[in-house]
Amino acid sequence: MNKSELIEAIAASADIPKAAASRALDAMVDAVADSLKKGDSVSLVGFGTFTVKERAARTGRNPQTGEPIQISAAKVPSFKAGKALKDSVN
């Protein structure tokens, strides 16, 4: 499912126009991103939790030359599915 299909599903489920569903989805994505930028986590009970994890610096290899390169530390977004979501998939 891509973004436009998700918007259509939201609009049909909530009985709202696609434009309103698109704004709602964009607002939700922006709110999650802003919260993660601040270092906060976002928990949606039954769905899952969005968090920011620290990835340590490490040594990698350039695939073309085989030379070792240093990969710097980074913060990466992470999602852990909730029990209800896991149960619905299985």
N, C-alpha and C. Protein backbone atom coordinates (compact mmCIF):
# COMPACT_ATOMS: atom_id res chain seq x y z
N MET A 1 0.85 -1.17 0.00
CA MET A 1 0.00 0.00 0.00
C MET A 1 0.90 1.23 0.00
N ASN A 2 0.61 2.16 -0.89
CA ASN A 2 1.37 3.41 -0.92
C ASN A 2 0.54 4.52 -0.27
N LYS A 3 1.08 5.73 -0.28
CA LYS A 3 0.43 6.83 0.43
C LYS A 3 -0.96 7.15 -0.13
N SER A 4 -1.10 7.18 -1.44
CA SER A 4 -2.41 7.52 -2.01
C SER A 4 -3.45 6.43 -1.70
N GLU A 5 -3.03 5.18 -1.69
CA GLU A 5 -3.96 4.10 -1.33
C GLU A 5 -4.35 4.20 0.15
N LEU A 6 -3.39 4.58 1.00
CA LEU A 6 -3.68 4.76 2.42
C LEU A 6 -4.67 5.91 2.62
N ILE A 7 -4.48 6.99 1.89
CA ILE A 7 -5.40 8.13 1.97
C ILE A 7 -6.81 7.70 1.56
N GLU A 8 -6.92 6.93 0.49
CA GLU A 8 -8.23 6.43 0.05
C GLU A 8 -8.87 5.55 1.13
N ALA A 9 -8.08 4.69 1.76
CA ALA A 9 -8.61 3.81 2.81
C ALA A 9 -9.07 4.62 4.02
N ILE A 10 -8.31 5.64 4.40
CA ILE A 10 -8.69 6.49 5.53
C ILE A 10 -9.98 7.23 5.20
N ALA A 11 -10.06 7.79 4.00
CA ALA A 11 -11.25 8.54 3.59
C ALA A 11 -12.49 7.66 3.60
N ALA A 12 -12.36 6.44 3.10
CA ALA A 12 -13.50 5.52 3.06
C ALA A 12 -13.90 5.07 4.47
N SER A 13 -12.93 4.77 5.30
CA SER A 13 -13.21 4.30 6.64
C SER A 13 -13.82 5.38 7.53
N ALA A 14 -13.32 6.60 7.43
CA ALA A 14 -13.79 7.70 8.28
C ALA A 14 -14.92 8.49 7.63
N ASP A 15 -15.28 8.15 6.39
CA ASP A 15 -16.34 8.85 5.65
C ASP A 15 -16.06 10.35 5.57
N ILE A 16 -14.84 10.68 5.13
CA ILE A 16 -14.43 12.07 4.94
C ILE A 16 -13.84 12.20 3.54
N PRO A 17 -13.76 13.43 3.02
CA PRO A 17 -13.17 13.62 1.69
C PRO A 17 -11.68 13.24 1.67
N LYS A 18 -11.20 12.88 0.49
CA LYS A 18 -9.78 12.50 0.36
C LYS A 18 -8.85 13.64 0.75
N ALA A 19 -9.24 14.87 0.47
CA ALA A 19 -8.39 16.02 0.81
C ALA A 19 -8.22 16.11 2.33
N ALA A 20 -9.29 15.91 3.07
CA ALA A 20 -9.22 15.96 4.53
C ALA A 20 -8.39 14.79 5.06
N ALA A 21 -8.55 13.61 4.47
CA ALA A 21 -7.77 12.45 4.88
C ALA A 21 -6.29 12.67 4.61
N SER A 22 -5.97 13.31 3.49
CA SER A 22 -4.58 13.61 3.15
C SER A 22 -3.98 14.58 4.16
N ARG A 23 -4.72 15.63 4.52
CA ARG A 23 -4.24 16.59 5.51
C ARG A 23 -4.05 15.92 6.87
N ALA A 24 -4.96 15.05 7.24
CA ALA A 24 -4.87 14.35 8.52
C ALA A 24 -3.63 13.44 8.55
N LEU A 25 -3.40 12.70 7.47
CA LEU A 25 -2.24 11.82 7.40
C LEU A 25 -0.95 12.63 7.45
N ASP A 26 -0.89 13.73 6.69
CA ASP A 26 0.31 14.58 6.69
C ASP A 26 0.56 15.17 8.08
N ALA A 27 -0.52 15.58 8.77
CA ALA A 27 -0.39 16.13 10.11
C ALA A 27 0.14 15.08 11.08
N MET A 28 -0.33 13.85 10.95
CA MET A 28 0.12 12.77 11.83
C MET A 28 1.60 12.46 11.59
N VAL A 29 2.00 12.38 10.35
CA VAL A 29 3.40 12.10 10.01
C VAL A 29 4.30 13.23 10.50
N ASP A 30 3.87 14.48 10.32
CA ASP A 30 4.65 15.63 10.79
C ASP A 30 4.77 15.63 12.31
N ALA A 31 3.68 15.30 12.99
CA ALA A 31 3.71 15.28 14.46
C ALA A 31 4.66 14.21 14.98
N VAL A 32 4.66 13.04 14.35
CA VAL A 32 5.57 11.97 14.76
C VAL A 32 7.01 12.39 14.49
N ALA A 33 7.27 12.96 13.32
CA ALA A 33 8.62 13.40 12.97
C ALA A 33 9.12 14.48 13.92
N ASP A 34 8.27 15.45 14.25
CA ASP A 34 8.66 16.52 15.16
C ASP A 34 8.98 15.98 16.55
N SER A 35 8.18 15.03 17.00
CA SER A 35 8.40 14.44 18.31
C SER A 35 9.72 13.67 18.34
N LEU A 36 10.01 12.92 17.27
CA LEU A 36 11.27 12.17 17.20
C LEU A 36 12.47 13.11 17.12
N LYS A 37 12.32 14.25 16.43
CA LYS A 37 13.41 15.23 16.35
C LYS A 37 13.77 15.75 17.74
N LYS A 38 12.75 15.89 18.60
CA LYS A 38 12.98 16.38 19.96
C LYS A 38 13.56 15.29 20.86
N GLY A 39 13.57 14.04 20.38
CA GLY A 39 14.09 12.94 21.17
C GLY A 39 13.02 12.20 21.94
N ASP A 40 11.76 12.60 21.76
CA ASP A 40 10.65 11.93 22.44
C ASP A 40 10.21 10.70 21.65
N SER A 41 9.52 9.79 22.32
CA SER A 41 8.95 8.64 21.62
C SER A 41 7.45 8.87 21.44
N VAL A 42 6.87 8.17 20.48
CA VAL A 42 5.44 8.27 20.21
C VAL A 42 4.86 6.87 20.36
N SER A 43 3.95 6.70 21.33
CA SER A 43 3.33 5.40 21.59
C SER A 43 1.87 5.43 21.19
N LEU A 44 1.48 4.54 20.32
CA LEU A 44 0.09 4.38 19.92
C LEU A 44 -0.34 3.01 20.44
N VAL A 45 -1.11 3.00 21.51
CA VAL A 45 -1.49 1.76 22.17
C VAL A 45 -2.18 0.83 21.17
N GLY A 46 -1.71 -0.40 21.11
CA GLY A 46 -2.26 -1.39 20.20
C GLY A 46 -1.61 -1.38 18.83
N PHE A 47 -0.93 -0.29 18.48
CA PHE A 47 -0.29 -0.20 17.17
C PHE A 47 1.21 -0.37 17.30
N GLY A 48 1.86 0.50 18.09
CA GLY A 48 3.30 0.37 18.27
C GLY A 48 3.91 1.65 18.80
N THR A 49 5.24 1.66 18.85
CA THR A 49 5.99 2.79 19.40
C THR A 49 7.08 3.21 18.43
N PHE A 50 7.12 4.51 18.15
CA PHE A 50 8.19 5.11 17.36
C PHE A 50 9.20 5.68 18.33
N THR A 51 10.48 5.37 18.14
CA THR A 51 11.54 5.89 18.99
C THR A 51 12.75 6.28 18.14
N VAL A 52 13.70 6.94 18.78
CA VAL A 52 14.98 7.27 18.14
C VAL A 52 16.05 6.44 18.82
N LYS A 53 16.85 5.75 18.03
CA LYS A 53 17.95 4.94 18.56
C LYS A 53 19.28 5.52 18.09
N GLU A 54 20.29 5.30 18.91
CA GLU A 54 21.65 5.73 18.58
C GLU A 54 22.36 4.58 17.86
N ARG A 55 22.96 4.88 16.72
CA ARG A 55 23.76 3.89 16.01
C ARG A 55 25.22 4.30 16.17
N ALA A 56 26.04 3.41 16.69
CA ALA A 56 27.44 3.71 16.97
C ALA A 56 28.25 3.86 15.68
N ALA A 57 29.36 4.58 15.79
CA ALA A 57 30.29 4.70 14.67
C ALA A 57 30.90 3.33 14.41
N ARG A 58 31.20 3.08 13.14
CA ARG A 58 31.76 1.77 12.79
C ARG A 58 32.61 1.90 11.53
N THR A 59 33.37 0.86 11.27
CA THR A 59 34.19 0.81 10.06
C THR A 59 33.48 -0.04 9.03
N GLY A 60 33.36 0.52 7.83
CA GLY A 60 32.74 -0.20 6.72
C GLY A 60 33.74 -0.36 5.59
N ARG A 61 33.28 -0.86 4.47
CA ARG A 61 34.15 -1.02 3.30
C ARG A 61 33.51 -0.39 2.08
N ASN A 62 34.34 0.28 1.29
CA ASN A 62 33.88 0.80 0.01
C ASN A 62 33.70 -0.40 -0.91
N PRO A 63 32.48 -0.63 -1.41
CA PRO A 63 32.25 -1.83 -2.22
C PRO A 63 33.02 -1.86 -3.54
N GLN A 64 33.39 -0.69 -4.07
CA GLN A 64 34.12 -0.66 -5.34
C GLN A 64 35.60 -0.93 -5.16
N THR A 65 36.20 -0.36 -4.11
CA THR A 65 37.65 -0.49 -3.95
C THR A 65 38.04 -1.45 -2.83
N GLY A 66 37.12 -1.75 -1.94
CA GLY A 66 37.44 -2.61 -0.81
C GLY A 66 38.15 -1.90 0.32
N GLU A 67 38.39 -0.59 0.16
CA GLU A 67 39.07 0.19 1.19
C GLU A 67 38.18 0.36 2.42
N PRO A 68 38.75 0.29 3.62
CA PRO A 68 37.95 0.56 4.81
C PRO A 68 37.61 2.04 4.90
N ILE A 69 36.38 2.34 5.31
CA ILE A 69 35.96 3.72 5.50
C ILE A 69 35.31 3.83 6.87
N GLN A 70 35.36 5.02 7.45
CA GLN A 70 34.76 5.24 8.76
C GLN A 70 33.34 5.76 8.56
N ILE A 71 32.37 5.08 9.16
CA ILE A 71 30.97 5.49 9.12
C ILE A 71 30.66 6.13 10.47
N SER A 72 30.22 7.37 10.44
CA SER A 72 30.00 8.11 11.69
C SER A 72 28.75 7.64 12.41
N ALA A 73 28.67 7.96 13.69
CA ALA A 73 27.51 7.63 14.52
C ALA A 73 26.31 8.42 14.01
N ALA A 74 25.12 7.87 14.23
CA ALA A 74 23.91 8.54 13.76
C ALA A 74 22.73 8.19 14.65
N LYS A 75 21.72 9.04 14.61
CA LYS A 75 20.45 8.75 15.25
C LYS A 75 19.52 8.23 14.16
N VAL A 76 18.84 7.12 14.43
CA VAL A 76 17.95 6.53 13.43
C VAL A 76 16.57 6.30 14.04
N PRO A 77 15.51 6.55 13.25
CA PRO A 77 14.17 6.26 13.74
C PRO A 77 13.93 4.76 13.79
N SER A 78 13.13 4.33 14.77
CA SER A 78 12.85 2.92 14.95
C SER A 78 11.37 2.75 15.27
N PHE A 79 10.80 1.60 14.88
CA PHE A 79 9.41 1.30 15.19
C PHE A 79 9.33 -0.09 15.78
N LYS A 80 8.63 -0.21 16.90
CA LYS A 80 8.40 -1.51 17.50
C LYS A 80 6.90 -1.75 17.50
N ALA A 81 6.47 -2.80 16.84
CA ALA A 81 5.04 -3.09 16.73
C ALA A 81 4.47 -3.51 18.07
N GLY A 82 3.24 -3.07 18.32
CA GLY A 82 2.53 -3.45 19.54
C GLY A 82 1.92 -4.83 19.44
N LYS A 83 1.47 -5.36 20.56
CA LYS A 83 0.92 -6.70 20.61
C LYS A 83 -0.30 -6.86 19.71
N ALA A 84 -1.22 -5.90 19.73
CA ALA A 84 -2.43 -5.99 18.92
C ALA A 84 -2.09 -6.04 17.43
N LEU A 85 -1.11 -5.25 16.99
CA LEU A 85 -0.70 -5.25 15.59
C LEU A 85 -0.06 -6.59 15.23
N LYS A 86 0.80 -7.10 16.11
CA LYS A 86 1.43 -8.40 15.86
C LYS A 86 0.38 -9.51 15.76
N ASP A 87 -0.59 -9.47 16.69
CA ASP A 87 -1.64 -10.49 16.69
C ASP A 87 -2.51 -10.42 15.44
N SER A 88 -2.79 -9.21 14.94
CA SER A 88 -3.63 -9.07 13.76
C SER A 88 -2.95 -9.56 12.50
N VAL A 89 -1.60 -9.50 12.48
CA VAL A 89 -0.85 -9.97 11.32
C VAL A 89 -0.76 -11.49 11.30
N ASN A 90 -0.66 -12.09 12.48
CA ASN A 90 -0.52 -13.55 12.55
C ASN A 90 -1.86 -14.17 12.50
